[in-house]
């Protein structure tokens, strides 16, 4: 009881101090004076790579709608280079999300920078909003018009949402509760007056070069074994078994990709697969290099992660080992998606369960460690069969 009270007191103290610092940053900053038509549109999109790629088609329509107004994107540093490479935005401000949440000096400086832009319109198109991140940046903008989505409570507490809802001049209703992210993005655009908006896939053109270690190599396939949580990772021995079968039956080199934090996992997969000429690129590629690596792959195999959306955006075949936590919100892609073709549609293997869409709050009996039951239930036979079918029926367009 005492521990809970201390936790609440600490949380309240953090809220008060951080709010005061944020306010100090804002009121101490003078926005650049300029006529309204010369002041920028600020878009706040600070989530991770997969979300950005899924949003790309809507981003193109949003920027076109507000042109010739200058457009500034505030982006997670993970996607900042990619955002610049698209050449959609006049300026991309890279945000170190971890530092913004934990380092008050960095946060203070960033809040001042955002305020100084003097934006006339600030938009956060993210559905699952975050109080200290996206919502805080919207407040800092000081824009005359601040638009967001009503959203859900996946990343925000009830009381926080009640507070930050007041920081917007307009919140777009959610519409139907169970919708794919493509459809939500299109609905948001329509609410902004873009009547032609439709759920559409955004194509990624060339954004860089493949890593030099792939130069002149034989045809290859990519495996990305990581995920946002260890509980959402398909068992490593099954990834290894699938990799051996694909490599030997189709004469393909195994290339293992992932973030720097996933390097031990990727190296473990390479050892388990025990194949000659395996290349581990985890932690060695920029985001543009990863994209070009996936573009050139005969097949990309991954959990529910950004790699699958990247493959779709570059028109390359992919196979997703899909759990049920957010089923149909991000994957599988909706059939009515504009510009959708067999070539760029991710193939998903999953095991149906009645508890789907639990937001990864698993209600089924499960072990304290290891994959959730919906991930564990995906068999090696399902996955290897689908992988072989993809390799036999699809081509890579470079």
Protein backbone atom coordinates (compact mmCIF):
# COMPACT_ATOMS: atom_id res chain seq x y z
CA UNK A 1 0.00 0.00 0.00
CA UNK A 2 2.81 2.39 0.97
CA UNK A 3 4.77 1.40 -2.13
CA UNK A 4 1.81 2.18 -4.39
CA UNK A 5 1.32 5.55 -2.71
CA UNK A 6 5.00 6.42 -3.18
CA UNK A 7 4.81 5.43 -6.84
CA UNK A 8 1.80 7.69 -7.39
CA UNK A 9 3.52 10.53 -5.54
CA UNK A 10 6.64 10.10 -7.67
CA UNK A 11 4.55 10.07 -10.85
CA UNK A 12 2.76 13.25 -9.77
CA UNK A 13 6.07 14.91 -8.93
CA UNK A 14 7.49 14.02 -12.34
CA UNK A 15 4.36 15.37 -14.04
CA UNK A 16 4.54 18.69 -12.18
CA UNK A 17 8.28 19.24 -12.72
CA UNK A 18 8.23 18.21 -16.37
CA UNK A 19 5.17 20.35 -17.08
CA UNK A 20 6.87 23.37 -15.53
CA UNK A 21 10.05 22.80 -17.55
CA UNK A 22 8.05 22.39 -20.76
CA UNK A 23 6.18 25.58 -20.06
CA UNK A 24 9.42 27.43 -19.32
CA UNK A 25 10.86 26.28 -22.65
CA UNK A 26 7.80 27.48 -24.52
CA UNK A 27 7.31 30.90 -22.91
CA UNK A 28 11.02 31.73 -23.16
CA UNK A 29 11.07 31.23 -26.92
CA UNK A 30 10.03 33.78 -29.49
CA UNK A 31 8.66 32.34 -32.73
CA UNK A 32 10.07 33.62 -36.01
CA UNK A 33 7.93 36.52 -37.19
CA UNK A 34 6.46 35.93 -40.64
CA UNK A 35 3.17 36.25 -42.53
CA UNK A 36 0.83 33.27 -42.11
CA UNK A 37 1.41 32.03 -45.65
CA UNK A 38 5.17 31.84 -44.99
CA UNK A 39 4.89 29.97 -41.70
CA UNK A 40 5.40 26.21 -41.94
CA UNK A 41 3.17 23.22 -41.55
CA UNK A 42 4.64 21.00 -38.81
CA UNK A 43 3.93 17.27 -38.93
CA UNK A 44 4.71 15.28 -35.79
CA UNK A 45 5.41 11.62 -36.58
CA UNK A 46 7.79 10.19 -33.99
CA UNK A 47 6.95 6.49 -34.03
CA UNK A 48 9.17 3.78 -35.52
CA UNK A 49 10.14 2.62 -39.00
CA UNK A 50 7.21 0.33 -39.79
CA UNK A 51 4.60 2.93 -38.84
CA UNK A 52 6.36 5.53 -40.98
CA UNK A 53 6.44 3.25 -44.03
CA UNK A 54 2.75 2.39 -43.64
CA UNK A 55 1.99 6.13 -43.39
CA UNK A 56 4.07 7.01 -46.45
CA UNK A 57 1.20 6.96 -48.97
CA UNK A 58 -0.85 9.28 -46.75
CA UNK A 59 2.17 11.49 -46.17
CA UNK A 60 2.45 12.13 -49.90
CA UNK A 61 -1.20 13.20 -50.08
CA UNK A 62 -0.92 15.35 -46.93
CA UNK A 63 2.14 17.24 -48.14
CA UNK A 64 0.58 17.79 -51.58
CA UNK A 65 -2.57 19.19 -49.95
CA UNK A 66 -0.65 21.88 -48.04
CA UNK A 67 1.82 22.85 -50.77
CA UNK A 68 3.26 25.38 -51.48
CA UNK A 69 3.45 25.87 -47.72
CA UNK A 70 6.81 24.79 -46.31
CA UNK A 71 6.53 21.41 -44.54
CA UNK A 72 8.64 20.45 -41.53
CA UNK A 73 8.55 16.86 -40.28
CA UNK A 74 9.53 16.01 -36.70
CA UNK A 75 10.60 12.37 -36.95
CA UNK A 76 12.06 9.66 -34.78
CA UNK A 77 15.80 9.61 -35.44
CA UNK A 78 15.39 5.98 -36.57
CA UNK A 79 13.58 7.17 -39.69
CA UNK A 80 15.06 10.65 -40.16
CA UNK A 81 17.49 9.59 -42.92
CA UNK A 82 14.72 7.71 -44.69
CA UNK A 83 12.36 10.69 -44.42
CA UNK A 84 14.99 12.95 -45.97
CA UNK A 85 15.67 10.45 -48.75
CA UNK A 86 12.01 10.53 -49.81
CA UNK A 87 12.44 14.27 -50.58
CA UNK A 88 8.84 14.84 -49.48
CA UNK A 89 9.63 17.31 -46.72
CA UNK A 90 11.35 20.68 -46.80
CA UNK A 91 12.99 19.95 -43.46
CA UNK A 92 13.26 16.89 -41.23
CA UNK A 93 14.01 17.41 -37.54
CA UNK A 94 15.47 14.26 -36.02
CA UNK A 95 14.22 13.46 -32.51
CA UNK A 96 16.14 11.21 -30.12
CA UNK A 97 13.07 9.71 -28.46
CA UNK A 98 14.90 8.23 -25.48
CA UNK A 99 16.74 11.47 -24.72
CA UNK A 100 13.55 13.51 -25.18
CA UNK A 101 11.89 11.44 -22.46
CA UNK A 102 14.82 11.18 -20.05
CA UNK A 103 17.18 14.12 -20.53
CA UNK A 104 15.55 17.39 -19.50
CA UNK A 105 18.28 19.50 -21.15
CA UNK A 106 17.72 17.83 -24.51
CA UNK A 107 13.96 18.08 -24.11
CA UNK A 108 14.14 21.74 -23.16
CA UNK A 109 16.30 22.55 -26.22
CA UNK A 110 14.04 20.57 -28.56
CA UNK A 111 10.86 22.21 -27.24
CA UNK A 112 12.43 25.63 -27.85
CA UNK A 113 13.42 24.61 -31.37
CA UNK A 114 9.90 23.47 -32.22
CA UNK A 115 8.37 26.62 -30.77
CA UNK A 116 10.74 28.83 -32.75
CA UNK A 117 9.42 27.42 -36.04
CA UNK A 118 6.34 29.59 -35.65
CA UNK A 119 4.08 27.04 -37.33
CA UNK A 120 0.58 28.06 -38.28
CA UNK A 121 -0.67 24.45 -38.49
CA UNK A 122 0.66 21.44 -36.54
CA UNK A 123 -0.63 17.94 -37.27
CA UNK A 124 -0.04 14.67 -35.48
CA UNK A 125 -1.56 11.87 -37.61
CA UNK A 126 -0.60 9.11 -35.13
CA UNK A 127 -3.56 7.06 -33.87
CA UNK A 128 -1.96 5.69 -30.67
CA UNK A 129 -0.78 8.97 -29.20
CA UNK A 130 1.85 9.43 -26.50
CA UNK A 131 1.50 12.10 -23.81
CA UNK A 132 5.16 13.09 -23.34
CA UNK A 133 6.16 12.58 -26.98
CA UNK A 134 3.78 13.52 -29.79
CA UNK A 135 1.26 15.36 -27.65
CA UNK A 136 3.98 17.33 -25.92
CA UNK A 137 5.47 18.39 -29.25
CA UNK A 138 2.07 19.50 -30.53
CA UNK A 139 1.65 21.69 -27.46
CA UNK A 140 5.15 23.12 -27.90
CA UNK A 141 4.43 24.10 -31.50
CA UNK A 142 2.08 26.88 -30.41
CA UNK A 143 0.36 26.59 -33.79
CA UNK A 144 -2.95 28.33 -34.32
CA UNK A 145 -4.39 25.05 -35.57
CA UNK A 146 -3.34 21.80 -33.84
CA UNK A 147 -4.92 18.64 -35.24
CA UNK A 148 -4.74 15.02 -34.11
CA UNK A 149 -6.79 11.85 -33.77
CA UNK A 150 -8.98 10.95 -30.80
CA UNK A 151 -6.99 7.72 -30.75
CA UNK A 152 -6.85 4.96 -28.16
CA UNK A 153 -5.10 4.35 -24.84
CA UNK A 154 -2.40 1.93 -26.03
CA UNK A 155 0.40 4.40 -25.25
CA UNK A 156 -1.29 6.85 -22.94
CA UNK A 157 -3.07 6.76 -19.58
CA UNK A 158 -6.66 7.86 -19.20
CA UNK A 159 -5.84 10.97 -17.16
CA UNK A 160 -3.00 11.92 -19.51
CA UNK A 161 -5.32 11.73 -22.48
CA UNK A 162 -7.87 13.90 -20.72
CA UNK A 163 -5.17 16.52 -20.23
CA UNK A 164 -3.52 16.39 -23.65
CA UNK A 165 -6.83 16.33 -25.54
CA UNK A 166 -7.03 19.98 -24.52
CA UNK A 167 -3.77 20.75 -26.34
CA UNK A 168 -5.45 20.26 -29.70
CA UNK A 169 -7.82 22.63 -31.44
CA UNK A 170 -9.34 19.67 -33.29
CA UNK A 171 -9.43 15.91 -32.71
CA UNK A 172 -10.65 13.66 -35.52
CA UNK A 173 -13.03 10.86 -34.38
CA UNK A 174 -11.77 7.31 -34.71
CA UNK A 175 -14.55 5.88 -36.87
CA UNK A 176 -15.02 2.12 -36.71
CA UNK A 177 -13.11 0.57 -33.79
CA UNK A 178 -11.41 -2.21 -35.80
CA UNK A 179 -9.71 -0.68 -38.82
CA UNK A 180 -6.43 -1.21 -40.61
CA UNK A 181 -3.87 1.54 -40.21
CA UNK A 182 -4.04 2.32 -43.94
CA UNK A 183 -7.77 2.96 -43.58
CA UNK A 184 -7.31 5.08 -40.45
CA UNK A 185 -4.72 7.19 -42.25
CA UNK A 186 -7.08 7.75 -45.18
CA UNK A 187 -9.97 8.62 -42.86
CA UNK A 188 -7.82 11.20 -41.12
CA UNK A 189 -6.94 12.84 -44.46
CA UNK A 190 -10.60 13.00 -45.47
CA UNK A 191 -11.39 14.74 -42.19
CA UNK A 192 -8.79 17.35 -43.15
CA UNK A 193 -10.68 18.02 -46.38
CA UNK A 194 -8.66 15.79 -48.72
CA UNK A 195 -11.72 14.21 -50.34
CA UNK A 196 -9.71 12.11 -52.80
CA UNK A 197 -7.83 10.33 -50.00
CA UNK A 198 -7.97 6.53 -50.13
CA UNK A 199 -6.29 3.71 -48.24
CA UNK A 200 -3.15 3.49 -50.33
CA UNK A 201 0.25 1.90 -50.28
CA UNK A 202 3.22 4.23 -50.71
CA UNK A 203 6.08 3.10 -52.89
CA UNK A 204 9.65 3.69 -51.77
CA UNK A 205 12.02 4.64 -54.55
CA UNK A 206 15.74 4.05 -54.27
CA UNK A 207 17.03 5.70 -51.09
CA UNK A 208 20.67 4.57 -51.07
CA UNK A 209 23.03 1.74 -51.87
CA UNK A 210 23.20 -1.84 -50.70
CA UNK A 211 26.03 -2.65 -48.25
CA UNK A 212 29.35 -3.36 -49.96
CA UNK A 213 29.39 -6.86 -48.45
CA UNK A 214 26.53 -7.77 -50.79
CA UNK A 215 28.30 -6.56 -53.92
CA UNK A 216 28.66 -9.36 -56.44
CA UNK A 217 27.18 -11.94 -54.09
CA UNK A 218 24.91 -14.69 -55.30
CA UNK A 219 21.13 -14.36 -54.99
CA UNK A 220 20.06 -14.10 -51.36
CA UNK A 221 17.11 -14.03 -48.98
CA UNK A 222 16.77 -11.96 -45.80
CA UNK A 223 15.69 -13.13 -42.36
CA UNK A 224 14.91 -10.56 -39.66
CA UNK A 225 14.36 -12.57 -36.44
CA UNK A 226 13.81 -9.66 -34.04
CA UNK A 227 10.59 -7.97 -32.95
CA UNK A 228 9.51 -5.24 -30.54
CA UNK A 229 9.41 -7.80 -27.71
CA UNK A 230 10.96 -11.21 -27.05
CA UNK A 231 7.42 -12.54 -26.55
CA UNK A 232 6.58 -11.76 -30.20
CA UNK A 233 9.55 -13.62 -31.73
CA UNK A 234 8.95 -16.89 -33.59
CA UNK A 235 11.20 -19.59 -32.05
CA UNK A 236 14.80 -19.32 -33.23
CA UNK A 237 15.14 -23.03 -34.05
CA UNK A 238 12.21 -22.69 -36.48
CA UNK A 239 13.76 -19.65 -38.13
CA UNK A 240 16.94 -21.73 -38.52
CA UNK A 241 15.09 -24.73 -39.97
CA UNK A 242 13.25 -22.51 -42.44
CA UNK A 243 16.53 -20.83 -43.41
CA UNK A 244 18.24 -24.16 -44.11
CA UNK A 245 15.39 -25.36 -46.29
CA UNK A 246 15.13 -22.14 -48.28
CA UNK A 247 18.89 -21.90 -48.75
CA UNK A 248 19.43 -25.49 -49.87
CA UNK A 249 16.32 -25.90 -52.02
CA UNK A 250 16.63 -22.57 -53.83
CA UNK A 251 20.40 -22.04 -53.74
CA UNK A 252 20.15 -18.73 -51.89
CA UNK A 253 22.56 -17.04 -49.51
CA UNK A 254 21.19 -16.32 -46.02
CA UNK A 255 21.46 -12.67 -44.96
CA UNK A 256 20.42 -11.91 -41.36
CA UNK A 257 19.40 -8.34 -40.51
CA UNK A 258 18.41 -6.50 -37.37
CA UNK A 259 19.17 -3.57 -35.08
CA UNK A 260 22.40 -3.26 -33.05
CA UNK A 261 20.53 -4.58 -29.99
CA UNK A 262 19.46 -7.64 -31.99
CA UNK A 263 22.97 -8.59 -33.08
CA UNK A 264 23.32 -11.45 -30.52
CA UNK A 265 19.96 -12.86 -31.67
CA UNK A 266 20.98 -12.64 -35.32
CA UNK A 267 24.35 -14.26 -34.66
CA UNK A 268 22.60 -17.07 -32.75
CA UNK A 269 20.33 -17.67 -35.74
CA UNK A 270 23.34 -17.82 -38.08
CA UNK A 271 25.01 -20.42 -35.84
CA UNK A 272 21.81 -22.46 -35.55
CA UNK A 273 21.22 -22.43 -39.32
CA UNK A 274 24.80 -23.67 -39.88
CA UNK A 275 24.98 -22.63 -43.53
CA UNK A 276 28.04 -21.71 -45.54
CA UNK A 277 28.37 -18.08 -46.66
CA UNK A 278 25.81 -16.64 -44.20
CA UNK A 279 26.09 -12.86 -43.82
CA UNK A 280 25.04 -11.16 -40.56
CA UNK A 281 24.33 -7.46 -41.11
CA UNK A 282 22.65 -6.72 -37.77
CA UNK A 283 23.76 -3.34 -36.50
CA UNK A 284 25.87 -2.69 -39.60
CA UNK A 285 23.36 -1.00 -41.90
CA UNK A 286 21.70 2.37 -41.97
CA UNK A 287 17.95 2.38 -42.59
CA UNK A 288 18.44 3.26 -46.30
CA UNK A 289 20.94 0.39 -46.63
CA UNK A 290 18.51 -2.01 -44.97
CA UNK A 291 15.79 -0.91 -47.39
CA UNK A 292 18.02 -1.54 -50.40
CA UNK A 293 19.08 -4.92 -48.96
CA UNK A 294 15.43 -5.95 -48.72
CA UNK A 295 14.71 -4.56 -52.19
CA UNK A 296 17.32 -6.89 -53.69
CA UNK A 297 16.27 -10.01 -51.74
CA UNK A 298 14.43 -12.92 -53.35
CA UNK A 299 12.43 -13.13 -50.11
CA UNK A 300 12.30 -11.44 -46.70
CA UNK A 301 11.11 -13.45 -43.71
CA UNK A 302 10.29 -11.67 -40.44
CA UNK A 303 8.04 -11.39 -37.44
CA UNK A 304 5.45 -8.60 -37.36
CA UNK A 305 8.02 -5.85 -37.83
CA UNK A 306 9.10 -3.00 -40.07
CA UNK A 307 10.94 -5.34 -42.46
CA UNK A 308 7.64 -6.65 -43.83
CA UNK A 309 6.31 -3.15 -44.53
CA UNK A 310 9.60 -2.14 -46.11
CA UNK A 311 9.41 -5.14 -48.45
CA UNK A 312 5.89 -4.11 -49.46
CA UNK A 313 6.98 -0.52 -50.09
CA UNK A 314 9.80 -1.58 -52.41
CA UNK A 315 7.72 -4.23 -54.19
CA UNK A 316 9.64 -7.25 -52.88
CA UNK A 317 8.22 -10.59 -51.64
CA UNK A 318 7.90 -11.06 -47.89
CA UNK A 319 6.64 -13.59 -45.39
CA UNK A 320 5.42 -12.53 -41.94
CA UNK A 321 5.09 -14.88 -38.96
CA UNK A 322 2.11 -13.02 -37.55
CA UNK A 323 0.76 -13.07 -34.02
CA UNK A 324 -2.65 -11.84 -32.96
CA UNK A 325 -1.91 -8.89 -30.67
CA UNK A 326 -2.76 -6.27 -33.32
CA UNK A 327 -4.24 -8.58 -35.92
CA UNK A 328 -5.59 -6.71 -38.98
CA UNK A 329 -4.46 -3.32 -37.66
CA UNK A 330 -1.11 -3.48 -39.47
CA UNK A 331 -1.13 -6.95 -41.04
CA UNK A 332 -2.52 -8.63 -43.08
CA UNK A 333 -3.03 -5.78 -45.55
CA UNK A 334 -6.67 -5.08 -46.49
CA UNK A 335 -7.72 -6.48 -49.87
CA UNK A 336 -9.19 -3.16 -51.00
CA UNK A 337 -5.89 -1.30 -50.52
CA UNK A 338 -5.29 1.01 -53.47
CA UNK A 339 -2.37 -0.01 -55.73
CA UNK A 340 -2.15 -3.38 -54.00
CA UNK A 341 -0.71 -6.15 -56.17
CA UNK A 342 0.37 -9.71 -55.62
CA UNK A 343 3.95 -8.50 -55.85
CA UNK A 344 3.87 -6.09 -52.92
CA UNK A 345 1.36 -7.80 -50.62
CA UNK A 346 3.05 -9.38 -47.59
CA UNK A 347 2.13 -13.04 -47.14
CA UNK A 348 1.14 -13.76 -43.55
CA UNK A 349 1.20 -17.08 -41.75
CA UNK A 350 -0.78 -17.15 -38.51
CA UNK A 351 -2.65 -19.52 -36.21
CA UNK A 352 -6.24 -18.39 -35.62
CA UNK A 353 -7.18 -17.92 -31.96
CA UNK A 354 -10.35 -16.41 -30.40
CA UNK A 355 -8.32 -13.90 -28.36
CA UNK A 356 -6.91 -11.94 -31.32
CA UNK A 357 -6.55 -8.14 -30.91
CA UNK A 358 -5.60 -8.37 -27.26
CA UNK A 359 -3.04 -5.55 -27.68
CA UNK A 360 -0.45 -8.11 -26.57
CA UNK A 361 -2.10 -8.41 -23.17
CA UNK A 362 -2.25 -12.20 -23.49
CA UNK A 363 -5.31 -13.81 -21.92
CA UNK A 364 -4.28 -17.39 -22.70
CA UNK A 365 -2.30 -19.72 -20.42
CA UNK A 366 1.34 -19.14 -21.30
CA UNK A 367 4.85 -19.55 -19.95
CA UNK A 368 6.55 -16.58 -18.24
CA UNK A 369 9.18 -16.53 -20.99
CA UNK A 370 9.24 -17.34 -24.67
CA UNK A 371 6.76 -16.52 -27.41
CA UNK A 372 3.08 -15.91 -26.78
CA UNK A 373 0.78 -18.84 -27.67
CA UNK A 374 -0.35 -17.26 -30.97
CA UNK A 375 3.29 -17.06 -32.10
CA UNK A 376 4.23 -20.48 -30.74
CA UNK A 377 1.32 -22.06 -32.63
CA UNK A 378 2.74 -21.17 -36.07
CA UNK A 379 4.30 -24.37 -37.39
CA UNK A 380 7.48 -24.79 -39.37
CA UNK A 381 5.54 -26.66 -42.04
CA UNK A 382 3.19 -23.70 -42.58
CA UNK A 383 6.06 -21.27 -42.88
CA UNK A 384 8.37 -23.31 -45.11
CA UNK A 385 5.54 -24.22 -47.47
CA UNK A 386 4.54 -20.57 -47.89
CA UNK A 387 8.17 -19.47 -48.32
CA UNK A 388 8.72 -22.01 -51.10
CA UNK A 389 5.52 -20.95 -52.85
CA UNK A 390 6.61 -17.32 -52.78
CA UNK A 391 10.02 -18.11 -54.21
CA UNK A 392 8.49 -20.16 -57.02
CA UNK A 393 5.82 -17.64 -58.05
CA UNK A 394 7.25 -14.16 -57.44
CA UNK A 395 10.05 -12.20 -58.99
CA UNK A 396 12.08 -9.31 -57.61
CA UNK A 397 11.87 -6.02 -59.48
CA UNK A 398 14.99 -3.90 -59.00
